[in-house]
Protein backbone atom coordinates (compact mmCIF):
# COMPACT_ATOMS: atom_id res chain seq x y z
CA MET A 1 83.21 57.35 30.14
CA SER A 2 83.97 60.19 32.55
CA VAL A 3 86.17 63.16 31.68
CA VAL A 4 88.29 65.01 34.26
CA ARG A 5 89.53 68.45 33.27
CA VAL A 6 93.08 69.15 34.48
CA ALA A 7 95.14 72.34 34.69
CA ILE A 8 98.85 72.26 35.50
CA ALA A 9 100.63 75.27 36.99
CA GLY A 10 104.33 74.66 36.45
CA SER A 11 103.81 72.29 33.55
CA THR A 12 107.40 72.15 32.27
CA GLY A 13 109.03 71.17 35.57
CA SER A 14 109.55 67.66 36.92
CA ILE A 15 106.05 67.25 38.39
CA GLY A 16 104.37 68.98 35.46
CA THR A 17 105.98 66.80 32.81
CA GLN A 18 105.29 63.64 34.80
CA THR A 19 101.65 64.70 35.15
CA LEU A 20 101.43 64.78 31.38
CA ASP A 21 103.00 61.29 31.31
CA VAL A 22 100.20 60.10 33.60
CA VAL A 23 97.58 61.71 31.36
CA ARG A 24 99.04 60.09 28.24
CA ALA A 25 99.07 56.67 29.90
CA ALA A 26 95.51 56.97 31.18
CA ASN A 27 94.13 58.27 27.90
CA ALA A 28 95.76 55.39 26.01
CA LEU A 29 93.63 52.86 27.90
CA PRO A 30 90.30 51.83 26.36
CA GLY A 31 87.32 53.04 28.36
CA GLY A 32 87.62 54.40 31.87
CA THR A 33 88.39 57.97 32.89
CA ARG A 34 89.89 60.32 30.35
CA TYR A 35 91.81 63.47 31.23
CA GLU A 36 91.45 66.71 29.29
CA ILE A 37 94.19 69.32 29.74
CA THR A 38 92.45 72.69 30.03
CA GLY A 39 95.36 74.84 31.15
CA LEU A 40 99.16 74.89 31.25
CA GLY A 41 101.32 77.47 32.99
CA VAL A 42 105.03 78.29 33.19
CA GLY A 43 107.36 80.99 34.38
CA SER A 44 109.51 81.49 31.29
CA SER A 45 109.97 78.08 29.60
CA ALA A 46 108.15 79.15 26.45
CA ASP A 47 109.56 76.59 24.03
CA ALA A 48 108.65 73.61 26.21
CA LEU A 49 105.20 75.09 26.91
CA ILE A 50 104.51 75.56 23.20
CA ALA A 51 105.37 71.91 22.52
CA GLN A 52 103.09 70.74 25.34
CA ALA A 53 100.22 72.97 24.21
CA LEU A 54 100.46 71.83 20.60
CA GLU A 55 100.05 68.25 21.84
CA PHE A 56 97.29 68.79 24.42
CA ARG A 57 95.46 71.86 23.01
CA PRO A 58 94.54 73.59 26.28
CA ALA A 59 92.10 76.49 26.20
CA THR A 60 94.33 78.62 28.42
CA VAL A 61 98.08 78.96 28.88
CA ALA A 62 99.83 81.19 31.40
CA VAL A 63 103.28 82.70 30.94
CA ALA A 64 104.63 84.75 33.84
CA ASP A 65 107.54 86.19 31.83
CA PRO A 66 106.21 89.13 29.80
CA ALA A 67 109.13 88.88 27.38
CA ARG A 68 107.99 85.42 26.23
CA ARG A 69 104.21 85.94 26.30
CA ALA A 70 103.82 87.40 22.80
CA GLU A 71 105.92 84.58 21.35
CA VAL A 72 103.66 82.00 22.97
CA ALA A 73 100.50 83.78 21.82
CA ALA A 74 101.76 83.80 18.23
CA ALA A 75 102.54 80.08 18.33
CA LEU A 76 99.22 79.09 19.94
CA PRO A 77 96.36 80.94 18.23
CA PHE A 78 93.82 78.47 19.65
CA ALA A 79 94.63 79.31 23.29
CA GLU A 80 94.04 82.32 25.51
CA VAL A 81 97.45 83.45 26.77
CA VAL A 82 97.41 85.06 30.23
CA SER A 83 100.00 86.24 32.74
CA ASP A 84 98.52 84.87 35.97
CA MET A 85 98.71 81.12 36.67
CA ALA A 86 95.77 81.41 39.03
CA SER A 87 93.67 82.03 35.89
CA LEU A 88 94.15 78.37 34.99
CA VAL A 89 91.71 77.37 37.74
CA ASP A 90 88.69 78.37 35.67
CA GLY A 91 87.48 75.46 33.58
CA ALA A 92 89.41 72.80 35.51
CA ASP A 93 88.14 70.09 37.85
CA VAL A 94 91.62 69.39 39.23
CA VAL A 95 94.51 71.84 39.45
CA VAL A 96 98.02 70.45 39.81
CA ASN A 97 100.11 73.08 41.60
CA ALA A 98 103.67 72.24 40.60
CA VAL A 99 105.03 75.78 40.87
CA VAL A 100 108.35 75.91 42.72
CA GLY A 101 108.49 77.86 45.97
CA PHE A 102 106.35 80.60 47.50
CA ALA A 103 105.22 81.72 44.04
CA GLY A 104 102.72 78.85 44.09
CA LEU A 105 100.59 80.42 46.84
CA PRO A 106 98.09 82.24 44.54
CA VAL A 107 97.28 78.98 42.71
CA THR A 108 96.64 77.19 46.01
CA ILE A 109 94.37 79.96 47.27
CA GLU A 110 92.44 80.34 44.02
CA THR A 111 91.87 76.59 43.60
CA LEU A 112 90.52 76.01 47.10
CA SER A 113 88.50 79.25 47.04
CA ALA A 114 86.84 78.03 43.83
CA GLY A 115 85.85 74.72 45.46
CA LYS A 116 88.10 72.65 43.22
CA ARG A 117 90.45 69.73 43.89
CA LEU A 118 94.01 70.86 44.49
CA ALA A 119 96.72 68.32 43.69
CA LEU A 120 99.41 69.98 45.75
CA ALA A 121 103.05 69.52 44.83
CA ASN A 122 103.95 73.05 45.94
CA LYS A 123 104.54 72.41 49.63
CA GLU A 124 105.84 75.93 50.29
CA SER A 125 102.43 77.56 49.83
CA LEU A 126 100.88 75.39 52.55
CA ILE A 127 103.93 75.62 54.81
CA ALA A 128 104.29 79.38 54.53
CA ALA A 129 100.58 80.21 54.57
CA GLY A 130 99.01 77.46 56.64
CA PRO A 131 96.84 79.85 58.74
CA VAL A 132 95.52 81.40 55.50
CA VAL A 133 95.04 78.18 53.54
CA GLN A 134 93.41 76.11 56.28
CA PRO A 135 90.03 77.95 56.31
CA LEU A 136 89.80 77.60 52.53
CA ARG A 137 89.79 73.80 52.83
CA ALA A 138 86.25 74.13 54.21
CA THR A 139 85.02 75.71 50.96
CA PRO A 140 82.24 73.49 49.54
CA GLY A 141 83.74 71.20 46.91
CA ALA A 142 87.35 71.99 47.83
CA GLU A 143 89.72 69.04 48.21
CA LEU A 144 93.43 69.02 48.95
CA VAL A 145 95.22 65.87 47.84
CA PRO A 146 98.98 65.97 48.44
CA VAL A 147 101.32 64.98 45.62
CA ASP A 148 104.49 64.76 47.71
CA SER A 149 105.21 61.03 47.88
CA GLU A 150 105.38 61.05 51.70
CA HIS A 151 102.15 62.94 52.27
CA CYS A 152 100.36 61.02 49.56
CA ALA A 153 101.49 57.87 51.40
CA LEU A 154 100.07 59.21 54.68
CA HIS A 155 96.85 60.15 52.89
CA GLN A 156 96.55 56.58 51.61
CA CYS A 157 97.38 55.02 54.98
CA LEU A 158 94.77 57.12 56.74
CA ARG A 159 92.12 55.70 54.44
CA ALA A 160 92.50 52.50 56.49
CA SER A 161 91.01 54.31 59.48
CA VAL A 162 87.28 54.50 60.00
CA HIS A 163 87.81 58.25 60.44
CA GLY A 164 89.56 58.58 57.09
CA ASP A 165 91.50 61.73 56.35
CA PRO A 166 89.87 64.52 58.37
CA PRO A 167 92.34 66.61 60.39
CA GLY A 168 92.99 65.37 63.90
CA ASN A 169 92.12 61.71 63.27
CA PRO A 170 91.63 60.40 66.85
CA GLU A 171 92.95 56.92 66.03
CA VAL A 172 96.41 58.15 65.02
CA ALA A 173 99.29 57.75 67.47
CA ARG A 174 101.99 59.19 65.21
CA LEU A 175 103.00 59.89 61.64
CA VAL A 176 106.34 58.57 60.43
CA LEU A 177 107.85 60.31 57.41
CA THR A 178 110.60 58.47 55.58
CA ALA A 179 113.64 60.25 54.13
CA SER A 180 116.04 58.83 51.59
CA GLY A 181 118.91 60.61 53.31
CA GLY A 182 119.87 62.27 50.05
CA PRO A 183 123.26 61.99 48.34
CA PHE A 184 125.25 62.66 51.54
CA ARG A 185 123.77 60.11 53.92
CA GLY A 186 126.43 58.82 56.31
CA ARG A 187 128.80 61.72 55.64
CA THR A 188 130.07 64.01 58.41
CA MET A 189 130.23 67.79 58.35
CA ALA A 190 133.98 67.56 57.79
CA ASP A 191 133.34 65.36 54.74
CA LEU A 192 131.01 67.98 53.31
CA ALA A 193 133.29 71.00 53.44
CA GLU A 194 133.72 71.27 49.67
CA VAL A 195 130.46 69.92 48.23
CA THR A 196 129.84 70.87 44.59
CA VAL A 197 126.50 71.69 43.03
CA GLU A 198 126.78 68.59 40.84
CA GLN A 199 127.30 66.36 43.88
CA ALA A 200 124.33 67.87 45.72
CA LEU A 201 122.11 67.39 42.66
CA ALA A 202 123.01 63.70 42.33
CA HIS A 203 120.07 62.26 44.26
CA PRO A 204 120.36 58.47 44.66
CA THR A 205 116.70 57.50 44.18
CA TRP A 206 114.54 60.40 42.95
CA SER A 207 114.56 62.59 39.84
CA MET A 208 113.41 66.04 40.91
CA GLY A 209 113.92 69.71 40.16
CA PRO A 210 117.09 71.46 41.40
CA LYS A 211 115.55 73.31 44.35
CA ILE A 212 113.87 70.28 45.92
CA THR A 213 116.95 68.15 45.21
CA ILE A 214 119.21 70.54 47.12
CA ASP A 215 116.63 70.63 49.92
CA SER A 216 116.79 66.84 50.01
CA SER A 217 120.56 66.95 50.37
CA THR A 218 120.31 69.23 53.43
CA LEU A 219 117.20 67.49 54.88
CA MET A 220 115.38 70.83 54.65
CA ASN A 221 112.95 69.14 52.32
CA LYS A 222 112.10 66.64 55.04
CA GLY A 223 111.79 69.43 57.59
CA LEU A 224 109.37 71.30 55.36
CA GLU A 225 107.46 68.05 54.92
CA VAL A 226 107.12 67.76 58.71
CA ILE A 227 105.46 71.19 58.74
CA GLU A 228 103.31 70.19 55.77
CA ALA A 229 102.22 66.98 57.53
CA HIS A 230 101.20 69.01 60.58
CA GLU A 231 99.18 71.40 58.40
CA LEU A 232 97.58 68.63 56.35
CA PHE A 233 96.62 66.23 59.12
CA ALA A 234 96.54 68.39 62.32
CA ILE A 235 98.87 66.06 64.19
CA PRO A 236 101.12 67.75 66.82
CA TYR A 237 104.82 68.03 66.05
CA ASP A 238 105.73 65.75 68.95
CA ARG A 239 103.84 62.96 67.14
CA ILE A 240 105.49 63.45 63.74
CA GLU A 241 108.78 61.59 63.32
CA VAL A 242 111.35 61.17 60.57
CA VAL A 243 113.33 58.03 59.80
CA VAL A 244 115.95 57.63 57.10
CA HIS A 245 115.07 54.87 54.64
CA PRO A 246 117.63 54.85 51.80
CA GLN A 247 115.75 52.45 49.50
CA SER A 248 112.78 54.88 49.22
CA VAL A 249 110.31 52.00 48.96
CA VAL A 250 108.36 52.75 52.16
CA HIS A 251 107.09 56.25 51.52
CA SER A 252 105.63 56.93 54.96
CA MET A 253 103.75 55.20 57.78
CA VAL A 254 100.89 55.82 60.18
CA GLU A 255 100.93 54.24 63.61
CA PHE A 256 97.55 53.86 65.32
CA HIS A 257 96.82 53.75 69.03
CA ASP A 258 96.34 49.98 69.04
CA GLY A 259 99.98 49.51 67.97
CA SER A 260 99.27 48.79 64.30
CA THR A 261 101.43 50.54 61.71
CA ILE A 262 100.22 50.88 58.13
CA ALA A 263 102.73 51.82 55.44
CA GLN A 264 102.49 52.63 51.74
CA LEU A 265 105.14 50.94 49.58
CA SER A 266 106.08 51.31 45.93
CA MET A 267 109.21 51.82 43.91
CA PRO A 268 110.28 55.47 43.64
CA ASP A 269 108.06 56.94 40.91
CA MET A 270 106.35 60.30 41.32
CA ARG A 271 103.77 59.32 38.72
CA LEU A 272 102.05 57.14 41.33
CA PRO A 273 101.11 60.00 43.71
CA ILE A 274 100.28 62.21 40.73
CA ALA A 275 97.92 59.56 39.33
CA TYR A 276 96.42 59.10 42.81
CA SER A 277 95.67 62.82 43.07
CA LEU A 278 94.03 62.91 39.63
CA ALA A 279 91.88 59.81 40.15
CA TYR A 280 90.96 60.35 43.82
CA PRO A 281 88.82 59.02 45.47
CA HIS A 282 89.30 56.14 43.03
CA ARG A 283 92.51 54.34 42.15
CA ALA A 284 94.22 54.96 38.82
CA ALA A 285 94.06 52.14 36.29
CA THR A 286 97.68 52.71 35.22
CA PRO A 287 100.28 51.11 37.54
CA PHE A 288 103.40 53.08 38.46
CA GLY A 289 106.10 51.98 40.89
CA ARG A 290 104.95 48.37 41.11
CA VAL A 291 107.17 46.38 43.50
CA ASP A 292 108.90 43.19 42.41
CA TRP A 293 108.94 41.54 45.84
CA ALA A 294 111.28 38.76 44.76
CA ARG A 295 113.95 41.35 43.96
CA THR A 296 113.29 43.97 46.63
CA GLY A 297 115.94 42.76 49.09
CA ARG A 298 116.39 44.59 52.37
CA LEU A 299 114.60 47.65 53.72
CA ASP A 300 116.71 49.70 56.14
CA PHE A 301 115.70 52.40 58.62
CA GLU A 302 117.88 54.68 60.73
CA VAL A 303 117.74 57.82 62.83
CA PRO A 304 118.54 61.04 60.91
CA ASP A 305 121.85 62.74 61.69
CA THR A 306 120.62 66.15 62.82
CA ALA A 307 124.12 67.23 63.88
CA THR A 308 125.26 67.18 60.25
CA PHE A 309 121.90 67.93 58.63
CA ARG A 310 120.72 70.76 60.87
CA CYS A 311 117.90 72.00 58.64
CA LEU A 312 115.57 69.27 59.93
CA ASP A 313 115.64 70.61 63.49
CA LEU A 314 115.30 74.18 62.21
CA ALA A 315 112.04 73.21 60.52
CA TYR A 316 110.70 71.67 63.73
CA GLN A 317 111.68 74.87 65.53
CA ALA A 318 109.87 77.07 63.01
CA GLY A 319 106.81 74.83 63.00
CA ARG A 320 106.51 74.87 66.79
CA SER A 321 106.91 78.67 66.79
CA GLY A 322 103.86 78.89 64.52
CA GLY A 323 102.53 82.06 62.93
CA THR A 324 104.72 83.16 60.04
CA ALA A 325 107.89 81.43 61.31
CA PRO A 326 107.54 78.63 58.70
CA ALA A 327 107.14 81.29 55.98
CA TRP A 328 110.23 83.07 57.32
CA LEU A 329 112.35 79.90 57.24
CA SER A 330 111.05 78.76 53.85
CA ALA A 331 111.80 82.15 52.27
CA ALA A 332 115.31 82.30 53.73
CA ASN A 333 116.00 78.79 52.51
CA GLU A 334 114.89 79.66 48.96
CA VAL A 335 117.39 82.53 48.94
CA HIS A 336 120.20 80.37 50.26
CA VAL A 337 119.54 77.45 47.91
CA GLU A 338 119.56 79.83 44.95
CA ALA A 339 122.85 81.31 46.21
CA PHE A 340 124.36 77.83 46.45
CA LEU A 341 123.20 76.90 42.95
CA ASP A 342 124.73 80.15 41.67
CA GLY A 343 128.05 79.45 43.40
CA ARG A 344 127.72 82.27 45.93
CA LEU A 345 127.37 80.04 49.01
CA ARG A 346 128.89 76.79 50.18
CA TRP A 347 126.61 73.81 50.78
CA ARG A 348 127.17 73.60 54.53
CA GLU A 349 126.50 77.34 54.85
CA ILE A 350 122.87 76.81 53.79
CA ALA A 351 121.91 75.52 57.26
CA GLU A 352 124.10 78.11 59.00
CA ARG A 353 122.47 80.97 57.13
CA ASN A 354 118.97 79.55 57.60
CA GLU A 355 119.56 79.40 61.34
CA ALA A 356 120.95 82.93 61.44
CA VAL A 357 117.91 84.34 59.62
CA LEU A 358 115.47 82.33 61.73
CA GLN A 359 117.06 83.79 64.88
CA ARG A 360 115.99 87.20 63.59
CA TYR A 361 112.39 86.14 63.06
CA GLU A 362 109.88 88.85 63.90
CA PRO A 363 106.75 87.09 65.26
CA SER A 364 103.49 87.56 63.40
CA ALA A 365 100.23 85.59 63.51
CA GLY A 366 100.02 85.45 59.71
CA THR A 367 96.24 85.40 59.46
CA THR A 368 96.05 87.19 56.11
CA VAL A 369 97.76 86.81 52.76
CA ALA A 370 99.31 90.25 53.30
CA ASP A 371 100.87 89.02 56.58
CA VAL A 372 102.39 86.01 54.86
CA VAL A 373 103.67 88.02 51.89
CA ALA A 374 105.20 90.55 54.28
CA ALA A 375 106.94 87.81 56.29
CA ASP A 376 108.25 86.21 53.11
CA SER A 377 109.56 89.55 51.87
CA GLN A 378 111.17 90.46 55.20
CA ALA A 379 112.92 87.09 55.47
CA ARG A 380 114.24 87.34 51.91
CA SER A 381 115.50 90.86 52.53
CA ARG A 382 117.23 89.80 55.73
CA ALA A 383 118.81 86.78 54.03
CA LEU A 384 120.05 88.87 51.09
CA GLU A 385 121.43 91.54 53.44
CA MET A 386 123.36 88.92 55.38
CA LEU A 387 124.62 87.34 52.16
CA GLY A 388 125.87 90.74 51.00
CA ALA A 389 127.59 91.28 54.32
CA GLY A 390 129.38 87.96 53.93
């Protein structure tokens, strides 16, 4: 019986808690692969972390908030308590990066630099720092398996090609990312003048954290996924398309040059891509998202409304600009989503403000971590200045 050692950065969020669900389910099966949790990390959710650690007994826990660290250390005498989530990489075979936003970059860099498998749910670190992260994927032993349902679907579809998953697969004609359309699909800009936080957080098919749920409502999440798909699979932007698929059963598709299209289908359940990333290159023995074909009904597809949901085109614009433009847009969007959640910005102003900040982008190649951090900081400062100015 094989044992896979797993560390989870961002263990108390949506992806982190579902990763632990996957581990429980797998470890309950007789025989087969068992998963040992070696590290858990959080920002400040000390109570939830303590409960997880008492169940899974990791050797290391990370707490970014210094005010909660001593409390955690007192409750978990068996664990080493550290401040840096990148420290969780030591002792793990697979690191699940479920940190929200740009803060996940150090975990991505450390995992790939150490030649470990990175189960990447933190899309922002790859989007913002693609030029920095890409060389690290060549580190002996390093693997990057995407946890986003769409990119995991593309990863699975590409396994049908003789060329597999290497960047620039010559058999691929285009990648097609599906989008649920979020809670406001079919609504016009006039309809969305007075959107509340509660309405924007009411996603029709997925249960996710607040930041990614708001991004889904604006289609920024799908735009960031377009950039991520380009970085993961080295397919040009002109050959990456988005279609709205409200049922969220087809998670993405790959069209090959001979006209064949291969899709990955399952019911919406993030535990499936998480289990895939932990078991890769094998398939998990625990089924998640199994389709009942007799009850599935219709599957619809439509063109996204980029006039109402302008963030999608902004992401294409930033991706095509290259350099640190994706980092600039991602940082500005984080500021504006936080402002909306705090009641300081209206929903439809998120796209307007993102566009205004992107227009002030200061080009940079972004070949070093310092370049990316500087771009992120500059974009945040510009966004906050413009928020303060009204």
